[in-house]
Amino acid sequence: MSTTTKAPANKYIGDLHHEHMMWLNTLQFRKEEIVILEHRMEDVVRRNNQPDVMAELEHFQNQFIRQKEVLDLLRHDVKAHEKELENEAKDNPVAIDHRHFADHGGLRDRMETFEKIYMELKNDFYRWVAKWM
């Protein structure tokens, strides 16, 4: 039985920077979207404030709070990695476009996981809204 360990992929700084900018835009959009979804929750409560609706509402409130926390952590970590790349570019301006950097696969995995969980939550929320509106 042979186990091979895969070396981390390498990428150019421009590719990593582009991905960072895409992620930051996505995170900003999700943050704004959560505000809209929270306003939608208020609409549901105004029309229907039965105890079972309120219990389900609390679940979504908690989930949105958690997603905002994860979003803020991801935003911080993306910006920190971007700062590292920026410092590297300042320290080595001539070779920066020709050098490869270790891929930020762990950060990519976290972003993909966030998006998957967020989209599932959003879909569940819309089903809940449709049920009570």
N, C-alpha and C. Protein backbone atom coordinates (compact mmCIF):
# COMPACT_ATOMS: atom_id res chain seq x y z
N MET A 1 0.85 -1.17 0.00
CA MET A 1 0.00 0.00 0.00
C MET A 1 0.90 1.23 0.00
N SER A 2 0.63 2.12 -0.91
CA SER A 2 1.48 3.29 -1.04
C SER A 2 0.64 4.54 -0.77
N THR A 3 1.19 5.39 0.05
CA THR A 3 0.51 6.65 0.31
C THR A 3 1.40 7.76 -0.22
N THR A 4 0.82 8.59 -1.01
CA THR A 4 1.59 9.71 -1.52
C THR A 4 1.02 10.99 -0.95
N THR A 5 1.91 11.85 -0.58
CA THR A 5 1.46 13.15 -0.11
C THR A 5 1.63 14.13 -1.25
N LYS A 6 0.62 14.86 -1.47
CA LYS A 6 0.60 15.82 -2.55
C LYS A 6 1.22 17.13 -2.07
N ALA A 7 2.18 17.60 -2.81
CA ALA A 7 2.79 18.88 -2.48
C ALA A 7 1.76 19.99 -2.74
N PRO A 8 1.79 21.04 -1.95
CA PRO A 8 0.84 22.12 -2.19
C PRO A 8 1.07 22.72 -3.57
N ALA A 9 -0.02 23.01 -4.25
CA ALA A 9 0.07 23.64 -5.56
C ALA A 9 0.64 25.04 -5.39
N ASN A 10 1.29 25.48 -6.43
CA ASN A 10 1.86 26.83 -6.41
C ASN A 10 1.12 27.69 -7.41
N LYS A 11 1.00 28.96 -7.08
CA LYS A 11 0.30 29.90 -7.94
C LYS A 11 1.06 31.21 -8.00
N TYR A 12 0.76 31.96 -9.02
CA TYR A 12 1.32 33.30 -9.13
C TYR A 12 0.57 34.24 -8.17
N ILE A 13 1.26 35.28 -7.75
CA ILE A 13 0.68 36.23 -6.80
C ILE A 13 -0.58 36.89 -7.37
N GLY A 14 -0.59 37.16 -8.66
CA GLY A 14 -1.77 37.78 -9.28
C GLY A 14 -3.00 36.90 -9.18
N ASP A 15 -2.80 35.59 -9.32
CA ASP A 15 -3.93 34.65 -9.21
C ASP A 15 -4.46 34.62 -7.78
N LEU A 16 -3.54 34.61 -6.81
CA LEU A 16 -3.95 34.61 -5.41
C LEU A 16 -4.67 35.91 -5.06
N HIS A 17 -4.13 37.02 -5.55
CA HIS A 17 -4.75 38.32 -5.29
C HIS A 17 -6.15 38.38 -5.89
N HIS A 18 -6.30 37.91 -7.11
CA HIS A 18 -7.61 37.91 -7.76
C HIS A 18 -8.62 37.10 -6.94
N GLU A 19 -8.18 35.95 -6.49
CA GLU A 19 -9.08 35.11 -5.68
C GLU A 19 -9.45 35.81 -4.38
N HIS A 20 -8.49 36.47 -3.75
CA HIS A 20 -8.78 37.24 -2.53
C HIS A 20 -9.85 38.29 -2.79
N MET A 21 -9.69 39.03 -3.88
CA MET A 21 -10.66 40.10 -4.19
C MET A 21 -12.06 39.51 -4.45
N MET A 22 -12.10 38.39 -5.13
CA MET A 22 -13.40 37.72 -5.37
C MET A 22 -14.03 37.31 -4.04
N TRP A 23 -13.23 36.74 -3.15
CA TRP A 23 -13.75 36.31 -1.85
C TRP A 23 -14.23 37.49 -1.02
N LEU A 24 -13.45 38.56 -1.01
CA LEU A 24 -13.85 39.73 -0.23
C LEU A 24 -15.16 40.31 -0.76
N ASN A 25 -15.31 40.34 -2.08
CA ASN A 25 -16.57 40.81 -2.66
C ASN A 25 -17.73 39.90 -2.30
N THR A 26 -17.49 38.60 -2.35
CA THR A 26 -18.53 37.64 -1.98
C THR A 26 -18.93 37.81 -0.52
N LEU A 27 -17.95 37.96 0.34
CA LEU A 27 -18.24 38.12 1.77
C LEU A 27 -19.01 39.41 2.04
N GLN A 28 -18.65 40.48 1.36
CA GLN A 28 -19.37 41.74 1.52
C GLN A 28 -20.82 41.59 1.05
N PHE A 29 -20.99 40.92 -0.08
CA PHE A 29 -22.34 40.69 -0.60
C PHE A 29 -23.17 39.87 0.39
N ARG A 30 -22.59 38.81 0.93
CA ARG A 30 -23.30 37.96 1.88
C ARG A 30 -23.67 38.75 3.13
N LYS A 31 -22.78 39.60 3.58
CA LYS A 31 -23.06 40.42 4.77
C LYS A 31 -24.26 41.33 4.52
N GLU A 32 -24.30 41.96 3.36
CA GLU A 32 -25.42 42.82 3.01
C GLU A 32 -26.70 42.01 2.82
N GLU A 33 -26.55 40.84 2.26
CA GLU A 33 -27.70 39.97 2.04
C GLU A 33 -28.32 39.52 3.36
N ILE A 34 -27.50 39.24 4.35
CA ILE A 34 -28.02 38.83 5.66
C ILE A 34 -28.87 39.95 6.26
N VAL A 35 -28.47 41.19 6.08
CA VAL A 35 -29.27 42.32 6.57
C VAL A 35 -30.65 42.28 5.91
N ILE A 36 -30.70 42.03 4.63
CA ILE A 36 -31.98 41.95 3.92
C ILE A 36 -32.81 40.79 4.45
N LEU A 37 -32.18 39.65 4.67
CA LEU A 37 -32.90 38.48 5.20
C LEU A 37 -33.44 38.75 6.60
N GLU A 38 -32.67 39.47 7.40
CA GLU A 38 -33.14 39.82 8.74
C GLU A 38 -34.37 40.73 8.67
N HIS A 39 -34.38 41.63 7.71
CA HIS A 39 -35.57 42.48 7.53
C HIS A 39 -36.77 41.64 7.09
N ARG A 40 -36.49 40.64 6.30
CA ARG A 40 -37.57 39.73 5.86
C ARG A 40 -38.14 38.98 7.07
N MET A 41 -37.28 38.62 8.01
CA MET A 41 -37.76 37.96 9.25
C MET A 41 -38.74 38.87 9.97
N GLU A 42 -38.41 40.14 10.02
CA GLU A 42 -39.30 41.10 10.68
C GLU A 42 -40.67 41.14 10.01
N ASP A 43 -40.69 41.04 8.69
CA ASP A 43 -41.97 41.00 7.97
C ASP A 43 -42.80 39.79 8.39
N VAL A 44 -42.14 38.66 8.53
CA VAL A 44 -42.85 37.44 8.93
C VAL A 44 -43.45 37.62 10.32
N VAL A 45 -42.69 38.17 11.24
CA VAL A 45 -43.13 38.36 12.62
C VAL A 45 -44.32 39.32 12.68
N ARG A 46 -44.27 40.37 11.87
CA ARG A 46 -45.38 41.32 11.86
C ARG A 46 -46.69 40.65 11.43
N ARG A 47 -46.59 39.67 10.55
CA ARG A 47 -47.80 39.00 10.06
C ARG A 47 -48.20 37.80 10.90
N ASN A 48 -47.25 37.23 11.61
CA ASN A 48 -47.55 35.98 12.29
C ASN A 48 -46.59 35.81 13.46
N ASN A 49 -47.08 36.04 14.68
CA ASN A 49 -46.19 35.93 15.84
C ASN A 49 -46.60 34.81 16.79
N GLN A 50 -47.03 33.71 16.24
CA GLN A 50 -47.37 32.54 17.04
C GLN A 50 -46.10 31.96 17.65
N PRO A 51 -46.25 31.25 18.77
CA PRO A 51 -45.06 30.69 19.46
C PRO A 51 -44.19 29.81 18.57
N ASP A 52 -44.80 28.96 17.74
CA ASP A 52 -43.98 28.09 16.90
C ASP A 52 -43.23 28.89 15.83
N VAL A 53 -43.81 29.96 15.34
CA VAL A 53 -43.13 30.84 14.39
C VAL A 53 -41.96 31.52 15.08
N MET A 54 -42.19 31.98 16.30
CA MET A 54 -41.15 32.68 17.04
C MET A 54 -39.97 31.75 17.36
N ALA A 55 -40.26 30.50 17.66
CA ALA A 55 -39.18 29.54 17.94
C ALA A 55 -38.34 29.31 16.69
N GLU A 56 -39.00 29.17 15.56
CA GLU A 56 -38.27 28.97 14.31
C GLU A 56 -37.50 30.24 13.93
N LEU A 57 -38.09 31.38 14.20
CA LEU A 57 -37.43 32.65 13.93
C LEU A 57 -36.14 32.75 14.74
N GLU A 58 -36.20 32.35 16.00
CA GLU A 58 -35.00 32.40 16.85
C GLU A 58 -33.89 31.53 16.28
N HIS A 59 -34.26 30.38 15.73
CA HIS A 59 -33.28 29.51 15.10
C HIS A 59 -32.56 30.25 13.96
N PHE A 60 -33.34 30.92 13.11
CA PHE A 60 -32.73 31.63 11.99
C PHE A 60 -31.91 32.83 12.47
N GLN A 61 -32.39 33.52 13.49
CA GLN A 61 -31.61 34.63 14.04
C GLN A 61 -30.24 34.13 14.50
N ASN A 62 -30.24 33.03 15.23
CA ASN A 62 -28.98 32.45 15.72
C ASN A 62 -28.07 32.03 14.57
N GLN A 63 -28.66 31.44 13.55
CA GLN A 63 -27.86 31.01 12.40
C GLN A 63 -27.25 32.19 11.66
N PHE A 64 -28.02 33.26 11.52
CA PHE A 64 -27.50 34.45 10.84
C PHE A 64 -26.38 35.10 11.67
N ILE A 65 -26.54 35.11 12.98
CA ILE A 65 -25.48 35.63 13.85
C ILE A 65 -24.21 34.81 13.65
N ARG A 66 -24.35 33.50 13.63
CA ARG A 66 -23.20 32.62 13.45
C ARG A 66 -22.54 32.83 12.09
N GLN A 67 -23.36 32.97 11.05
CA GLN A 67 -22.80 33.18 9.72
C GLN A 67 -22.04 34.51 9.64
N LYS A 68 -22.54 35.53 10.33
CA LYS A 68 -21.83 36.81 10.35
C LYS A 68 -20.49 36.68 11.07
N GLU A 69 -20.45 35.86 12.12
CA GLU A 69 -19.19 35.63 12.83
C GLU A 69 -18.18 34.93 11.92
N VAL A 70 -18.64 33.88 11.24
CA VAL A 70 -17.76 33.14 10.33
C VAL A 70 -17.29 34.05 9.20
N LEU A 71 -18.21 34.83 8.68
CA LEU A 71 -17.91 35.77 7.62
C LEU A 71 -16.82 36.75 8.06
N ASP A 72 -16.95 37.29 9.25
CA ASP A 72 -15.94 38.23 9.75
C ASP A 72 -14.57 37.56 9.93
N LEU A 73 -14.56 36.33 10.40
CA LEU A 73 -13.29 35.60 10.55
C LEU A 73 -12.65 35.35 9.19
N LEU A 74 -13.46 34.94 8.23
CA LEU A 74 -12.93 34.70 6.89
C LEU A 74 -12.38 35.99 6.28
N ARG A 75 -13.12 37.05 6.43
CA ARG A 75 -12.69 38.35 5.90
C ARG A 75 -11.34 38.74 6.52
N HIS A 76 -11.21 38.57 7.81
CA HIS A 76 -9.96 38.88 8.49
C HIS A 76 -8.82 38.04 7.94
N ASP A 77 -9.05 36.74 7.79
CA ASP A 77 -7.99 35.84 7.34
C ASP A 77 -7.61 36.09 5.89
N VAL A 78 -8.58 36.42 5.05
CA VAL A 78 -8.27 36.76 3.65
C VAL A 78 -7.43 38.03 3.61
N LYS A 79 -7.83 39.03 4.38
CA LYS A 79 -7.08 40.29 4.40
C LYS A 79 -5.66 40.07 4.96
N ALA A 80 -5.52 39.21 5.95
CA ALA A 80 -4.20 38.92 6.51
C ALA A 80 -3.31 38.25 5.47
N HIS A 81 -3.87 37.33 4.71
CA HIS A 81 -3.09 36.66 3.68
C HIS A 81 -2.73 37.63 2.56
N GLU A 82 -3.66 38.50 2.23
CA GLU A 82 -3.40 39.53 1.22
C GLU A 82 -2.26 40.44 1.68
N LYS A 83 -2.25 40.78 2.95
CA LYS A 83 -1.18 41.62 3.51
C LYS A 83 0.17 40.92 3.41
N GLU A 84 0.20 39.61 3.66
CA GLU A 84 1.44 38.85 3.52
C GLU A 84 1.96 38.92 2.08
N LEU A 85 1.05 38.77 1.14
CA LEU A 85 1.44 38.84 -0.27
C LEU A 85 1.93 40.24 -0.62
N GLU A 86 1.27 41.24 -0.08
CA GLU A 86 1.65 42.64 -0.31
C GLU A 86 3.06 42.89 0.23
N ASN A 87 3.34 42.40 1.43
CA ASN A 87 4.67 42.57 2.01
C ASN A 87 5.73 41.85 1.18
N GLU A 88 5.40 40.67 0.70
CA GLU A 88 6.32 39.92 -0.14
C GLU A 88 6.61 40.68 -1.44
N ALA A 89 5.59 41.30 -1.99
CA ALA A 89 5.76 42.08 -3.22
C ALA A 89 6.65 43.29 -2.98
N LYS A 90 6.51 43.91 -1.83
CA LYS A 90 7.35 45.07 -1.49
C LYS A 90 8.81 44.65 -1.29
N ASP A 91 9.00 43.48 -0.66
CA ASP A 91 10.35 43.00 -0.38
C ASP A 91 11.07 42.49 -1.62
N ASN A 92 10.33 41.97 -2.60
CA ASN A 92 10.92 41.37 -3.80
C ASN A 92 10.18 41.85 -5.05
N PRO A 93 10.23 43.14 -5.35
CA PRO A 93 9.42 43.67 -6.45
C PRO A 93 9.79 43.14 -7.84
N VAL A 94 11.05 42.81 -8.06
CA VAL A 94 11.48 42.38 -9.39
C VAL A 94 11.00 40.97 -9.70
N ALA A 95 11.15 40.07 -8.75
CA ALA A 95 10.85 38.66 -9.01
C ALA A 95 9.40 38.29 -8.73
N ILE A 96 8.62 39.23 -8.24
CA ILE A 96 7.28 38.89 -7.76
C ILE A 96 6.38 38.29 -8.85
N ASP A 97 6.49 38.78 -10.07
CA ASP A 97 5.62 38.28 -11.14
C ASP A 97 6.07 36.94 -11.69
N HIS A 98 7.25 36.50 -11.32
CA HIS A 98 7.78 35.26 -11.86
C HIS A 98 7.84 34.14 -10.84
N ARG A 99 7.66 34.49 -9.58
CA ARG A 99 7.73 33.50 -8.50
C ARG A 99 6.38 32.85 -8.28
N HIS A 100 6.44 31.65 -7.83
CA HIS A 100 5.22 30.95 -7.41
C HIS A 100 5.11 31.02 -5.89
N PHE A 101 3.89 31.04 -5.43
CA PHE A 101 3.60 31.05 -3.99
C PHE A 101 2.75 29.83 -3.67
N ALA A 102 2.86 29.37 -2.44
CA ALA A 102 2.03 28.24 -2.02
C ALA A 102 0.56 28.64 -2.13
N ASP A 103 -0.20 27.75 -2.69
CA ASP A 103 -1.64 27.99 -2.84
C ASP A 103 -2.29 28.09 -1.46
N HIS A 104 -3.32 28.88 -1.38
CA HIS A 104 -4.05 29.05 -0.12
C HIS A 104 -5.26 28.12 -0.09
N GLY A 105 -4.98 26.84 -0.25
CA GLY A 105 -6.04 25.83 -0.33
C GLY A 105 -6.89 25.75 0.92
N GLY A 106 -6.28 25.92 2.08
CA GLY A 106 -7.06 25.87 3.33
C GLY A 106 -8.08 27.00 3.39
N LEU A 107 -7.68 28.16 2.96
CA LEU A 107 -8.59 29.31 2.93
C LEU A 107 -9.69 29.07 1.90
N ARG A 108 -9.32 28.52 0.74
CA ARG A 108 -10.30 28.20 -0.29
C ARG A 108 -11.33 27.19 0.24
N ASP A 109 -10.84 26.17 0.94
CA ASP A 109 -11.76 25.17 1.52
C ASP A 109 -12.73 25.83 2.50
N ARG A 110 -12.23 26.73 3.31
CA ARG A 110 -13.10 27.43 4.27
C ARG A 110 -14.14 28.28 3.56
N MET A 111 -13.73 28.96 2.49
CA MET A 111 -14.68 29.77 1.73
C MET A 111 -15.75 28.88 1.09
N GLU A 112 -15.34 27.77 0.52
CA GLU A 112 -16.30 26.86 -0.11
C GLU A 112 -17.27 26.29 0.92
N THR A 113 -16.76 25.95 2.08
CA THR A 113 -17.61 25.43 3.15
C THR A 113 -18.59 26.50 3.61
N PHE A 114 -18.10 27.73 3.79
CA PHE A 114 -18.98 28.83 4.18
C PHE A 114 -20.09 29.00 3.16
N GLU A 115 -19.74 29.04 1.89
CA GLU A 115 -20.74 29.24 0.83
C GLU A 115 -21.78 28.12 0.83
N LYS A 116 -21.31 26.90 0.99
CA LYS A 116 -22.23 25.75 1.00
C LYS A 116 -23.21 25.85 2.17
N ILE A 117 -22.70 26.09 3.35
CA ILE A 117 -23.55 26.19 4.54
C ILE A 117 -24.48 27.40 4.43
N TYR A 118 -23.94 28.52 3.96
CA TYR A 118 -24.74 29.73 3.83
C TYR A 118 -25.90 29.52 2.85
N MET A 119 -25.61 28.91 1.71
CA MET A 119 -26.66 28.70 0.71
C MET A 119 -27.73 27.73 1.22
N GLU A 120 -27.33 26.73 1.98
CA GLU A 120 -28.32 25.81 2.58
C GLU A 120 -29.19 26.57 3.57
N LEU A 121 -28.58 27.42 4.39
CA LEU A 121 -29.33 28.23 5.35
C LEU A 121 -30.30 29.16 4.62
N LYS A 122 -29.82 29.81 3.60
CA LYS A 122 -30.66 30.74 2.83
C LYS A 122 -31.85 30.02 2.21
N ASN A 123 -31.61 28.85 1.64
CA ASN A 123 -32.70 28.07 1.05
C ASN A 123 -33.71 27.64 2.12
N ASP A 124 -33.21 27.19 3.26
CA ASP A 124 -34.10 26.82 4.37
C ASP A 124 -34.92 28.02 4.83
N PHE A 125 -34.27 29.17 4.89
CA PHE A 125 -34.94 30.39 5.31
C PHE A 125 -36.07 30.75 4.34
N TYR A 126 -35.80 30.69 3.05
CA TYR A 126 -36.84 31.01 2.07
C TYR A 126 -38.01 30.03 2.13
N ARG A 127 -37.72 28.77 2.40
CA ARG A 127 -38.81 27.80 2.58
C ARG A 127 -39.64 28.17 3.81
N TRP A 128 -38.97 28.59 4.87
CA TRP A 128 -39.66 29.00 6.09
C TRP A 128 -40.52 30.23 5.84
N VAL A 129 -39.98 31.20 5.14
CA VAL A 129 -40.74 32.40 4.82
C VAL A 129 -41.98 32.04 4.00
N ALA A 130 -41.82 31.18 3.03
CA ALA A 130 -42.96 30.77 2.19
C ALA A 130 -44.03 30.06 3.01
N LYS A 131 -43.60 29.33 4.01
CA LYS A 131 -44.53 28.59 4.87
C LYS A 131 -45.39 29.54 5.71
N TRP A 132 -44.83 30.67 6.15
CA TRP A 132 -45.54 31.55 7.08
C TRP A 132 -46.05 32.84 6.46
N MET A 133 -45.81 33.07 5.21
CA MET A 133 -46.28 34.31 4.59
C MET A 133 -47.52 34.08 3.76
